[in-house]
C-alpha atoms as a PDB file:
ATOM      1  CA  MET A   1      43.292 -40.325  14.278  1.00  0.00           C
ATOM      2  CA  ASP A   2      40.197 -40.995  12.166  1.00  0.00           C
ATOM      3  CA  ALA A   3      40.579 -40.460   8.407  1.00  0.00           C
ATOM      4  CA  SER A   4      37.401 -38.362   8.334  1.00  0.00           C
ATOM      5  CA  PHE A   5      39.069 -35.782  10.620  1.00  0.00           C
ATOM      6  CA  PRO A   6      42.502 -35.044   9.036  1.00  0.00           C
ATOM      7  CA  PRO A   7      45.228 -33.252  11.036  1.00  0.00           C
ATOM      8  CA  ALA A   8      44.895 -29.984   9.073  1.00  0.00           C
ATOM      9  CA  ARG A   9      41.184 -29.837   9.844  1.00  0.00           C
ATOM     10  CA  PHE A  10      41.880 -30.636  13.502  1.00  0.00           C
ATOM     11  CA  LYS A  11      44.417 -27.751  13.664  1.00  0.00           C
ATOM     12  CA  ARG A  12      41.826 -25.343  12.214  1.00  0.00           C
ATOM     13  CA  PHE A  13      39.318 -26.593  14.777  1.00  0.00           C
ATOM     14  CA  LEU A  14      41.762 -25.994  17.646  1.00  0.00           C
ATOM     15  CA  SER A  15      42.614 -22.565  16.245  1.00  0.00           C
ATOM     16  CA  GLY A  16      38.916 -21.654  16.150  1.00  0.00           C
ATOM     17  CA  ILE A  17      38.373 -22.880  19.722  1.00  0.00           C
ATOM     18  CA  THR A  18      41.428 -20.908  20.898  1.00  0.00           C
ATOM     19  CA  LEU A  19      40.144 -17.710  19.278  1.00  0.00           C
ATOM     20  CA  PHE A  20      36.737 -18.286  20.854  1.00  0.00           C
ATOM     21  CA  PHE A  21      38.228 -18.587  24.352  1.00  0.00           C
ATOM     22  CA  ILE A  22      40.456 -15.524  23.827  1.00  0.00           C
ATOM     23  CA  ALA A  23      37.420 -13.484  22.777  1.00  0.00           C
ATOM     24  CA  LEU A  24      35.377 -14.823  25.704  1.00  0.00           C
ATOM     25  CA  THR A  25      38.164 -13.930  28.153  1.00  0.00           C
ATOM     26  CA  PHE A  26      38.354 -10.409  26.715  1.00  0.00           C
ATOM     27  CA  ILE A  27      34.596  -9.931  27.093  1.00  0.00           C
ATOM     28  CA  ILE A  28      34.623 -11.183  30.679  1.00  0.00           C
ATOM     29  CA  LEU A  29      37.581  -8.959  31.635  1.00  0.00           C
ATOM     30  CA  SER A  30      35.998  -5.930  29.947  1.00  0.00           C
ATOM     31  CA  SER A  31      32.780  -6.492  31.864  1.00  0.00           C
ATOM     32  CA  PHE A  32      34.714  -6.837  35.116  1.00  0.00           C
ATOM     33  CA  HIS A  33      36.502  -3.532  34.472  1.00  0.00           C
ATOM     34  CA  ASP A  34      33.267  -1.685  33.681  1.00  0.00           C
ATOM     35  CA  ALA A  35      31.577  -3.037  36.781  1.00  0.00           C
ATOM     36  CA  TYR A  36      34.219  -1.528  39.056  1.00  0.00           C
ATOM     37  CA  SER A  37      34.973   1.749  37.299  1.00  0.00           C
ATOM     38  CA  ALA A  38      32.894   4.892  37.442  1.00  0.00           C
ATOM     39  CA  ARG A  39      32.403   7.872  35.180  1.00  0.00           C
ATOM     40  CA  VAL A  40      31.037  11.360  35.573  1.00  0.00           C
ATOM     41  CA  THR A  41      29.846  13.830  32.953  1.00  0.00           C
ATOM     42  CA  LEU A  42      30.550  17.463  33.745  1.00  0.00           C
ATOM     43  CA  GLU A  43      29.031  20.533  32.094  1.00  0.00           C
ATOM     44  CA  TRP A  44      29.787  24.220  32.662  1.00  0.00           C
ATOM     45  CA  ASP A  45      28.755  27.637  31.375  1.00  0.00           C
ATOM     46  CA  PRO A  46      30.819  28.853  28.415  1.00  0.00           C
ATOM     47  CA  ASN A  47      33.411  31.584  28.714  1.00  0.00           C
ATOM     48  CA  THR A  48      32.340  34.455  26.441  1.00  0.00           C
ATOM     49  CA  GLU A  49      35.724  36.130  25.962  1.00  0.00           C
ATOM     50  CA  PRO A  50      36.559  36.511  22.249  1.00  0.00           C
ATOM     51  CA  ASP A  51      40.036  34.971  22.523  1.00  0.00           C
ATOM     52  CA  LEU A  52      38.806  31.688  24.044  1.00  0.00           C
ATOM     53  CA  ALA A  53      40.725  28.687  22.698  1.00  0.00           C
ATOM     54  CA  GLY A  54      39.404  25.962  24.989  1.00  0.00           C
ATOM     55  CA  TYR A  55      39.150  24.557  28.488  1.00  0.00           C
ATOM     56  CA  LYS A  56      41.309  22.512  30.818  1.00  0.00           C
ATOM     57  CA  LEU A  57      39.679  20.148  33.280  1.00  0.00           C
ATOM     58  CA  TYR A  58      41.515  19.452  36.525  1.00  0.00           C
ATOM     59  CA  TYR A  59      40.536  16.629  38.852  1.00  0.00           C
ATOM     60  CA  GLY A  60      41.801  14.460  41.638  1.00  0.00           C
ATOM     61  CA  THR A  61      40.951  12.912  44.966  1.00  0.00           C
ATOM     62  CA  ALA A  62      42.154  16.028  46.788  1.00  0.00           C
ATOM     63  CA  SER A  63      41.833  19.697  45.942  1.00  0.00           C
ATOM     64  CA  GLY A  64      45.410  19.582  44.591  1.00  0.00           C
ATOM     65  CA  TYR A  65      44.063  18.162  41.278  1.00  0.00           C
ATOM     66  CA  ALA A  66      46.543  15.461  40.223  1.00  0.00           C
ATOM     67  CA  GLN A  67      45.146  15.114  36.659  1.00  0.00           C
ATOM     68  CA  VAL A  68      44.623  17.671  33.888  1.00  0.00           C
ATOM     69  CA  ILE A  69      42.870  17.149  30.549  1.00  0.00           C
ATOM     70  CA  ASP A  70      42.703  19.694  27.723  1.00  0.00           C
ATOM     71  CA  VAL A  71      39.095  19.082  26.657  1.00  0.00           C
ATOM     72  CA  GLY A  72      39.162  21.488  23.718  1.00  0.00           C
ATOM     73  CA  ASN A  73      36.484  24.066  23.029  1.00  0.00           C
ATOM     74  CA  THR A  74      33.559  22.173  24.539  1.00  0.00           C
ATOM     75  CA  THR A  75      31.538  22.811  27.688  1.00  0.00           C
ATOM     76  CA  MET A  76      30.822  19.169  28.500  1.00  0.00           C
ATOM     77  CA  TYR A  77      33.191  16.276  29.150  1.00  0.00           C
ATOM     78  CA  THR A  78      32.917  12.741  30.530  1.00  0.00           C
ATOM     79  CA  VAL A  79      35.722  11.587  32.809  1.00  0.00           C
ATOM     80  CA  THR A  80      36.066   7.794  32.787  1.00  0.00           C
ATOM     81  CA  ASN A  81      38.063   5.206  34.722  1.00  0.00           C
ATOM     82  CA  LEU A  82      37.241   6.698  38.099  1.00  0.00           C
ATOM     83  CA  THR A  83      37.060   4.493  41.164  1.00  0.00           C
ATOM     84  CA  ALA A  84      33.518   3.984  42.428  1.00  0.00           C
ATOM     85  CA  GLY A  85      32.966   5.206  45.982  1.00  0.00           C
ATOM     86  CA  VAL A  86      35.912   7.643  45.939  1.00  0.00           C
ATOM     87  CA  THR A  87      35.327  11.407  46.267  1.00  0.00           C
ATOM     88  CA  TYR A  88      36.779  13.444  43.395  1.00  0.00           C
ATOM     89  CA  TYR A  89      37.252  17.206  43.074  1.00  0.00           C
ATOM     90  CA  PHE A  90      36.933  19.010  39.737  1.00  0.00           C
ATOM     91  CA  ALA A  91      37.816  22.451  38.381  1.00  0.00           C
ATOM     92  CA  VAL A  92      37.771  23.943  34.883  1.00  0.00           C
ATOM     93  CA  THR A  93      39.800  26.805  33.464  1.00  0.00           C
ATOM     94  CA  ALA A  94      39.308  28.609  30.169  1.00  0.00           C
ATOM     95  CA  HIS A  95      42.461  29.393  28.181  1.00  0.00           C
ATOM     96  CA  ASP A  96      43.406  31.492  25.186  1.00  0.00           C
ATOM     97  CA  ALA A  97      45.508  30.384  22.200  1.00  0.00           C
ATOM     98  CA  SER A  98      48.703  31.330  24.065  1.00  0.00           C
ATOM     99  CA  GLY A  99      47.762  28.991  26.915  1.00  0.00           C
ATOM    100  CA  HIS A 100      46.932  31.724  29.432  1.00  0.00           C
ATOM    101  CA  GLU A 101      44.261  30.421  31.778  1.00  0.00           C
ATOM    102  CA  LYS A 102      41.358  32.793  32.347  1.00  0.00           C
ATOM    103  CA  HIS A 103      38.886  31.731  34.988  1.00  0.00           C
ATOM    104  CA  THR A 104      38.572  28.816  37.392  1.00  0.00           C
ATOM    105  CA  TYR A 105      35.199  27.206  37.986  1.00  0.00           C
ATOM    106  CA  THR A 106      35.503  25.393  41.283  1.00  0.00           C
ATOM    107  CA  SER A 107      31.935  24.258  41.826  1.00  0.00           C
ATOM    108  CA  LEU A 108      31.481  21.448  39.317  1.00  0.00           C
END
């Protein structure tokens, strides 16, 4: 090994190169994931009942709705990590503080 490039400096160099390739791999994999995942933003009319606590969003690839998300007290939500080209079904219910669901919106 050349005296102008001591082992400690060489180790730091290799460490820097390793971190660079790890970061590059992460960026490539993140881009690959985004290219093949879809998202949809849904918006609905607010429930005007005085005891409204929030909304639950149901969705799935069949009308049985396999997933549920408590979206809080907002009338817009973006669902991510969907598969592009697949048909999804969505419904929203309003609920009170006790968790009683009020009204189902089936045409989102």
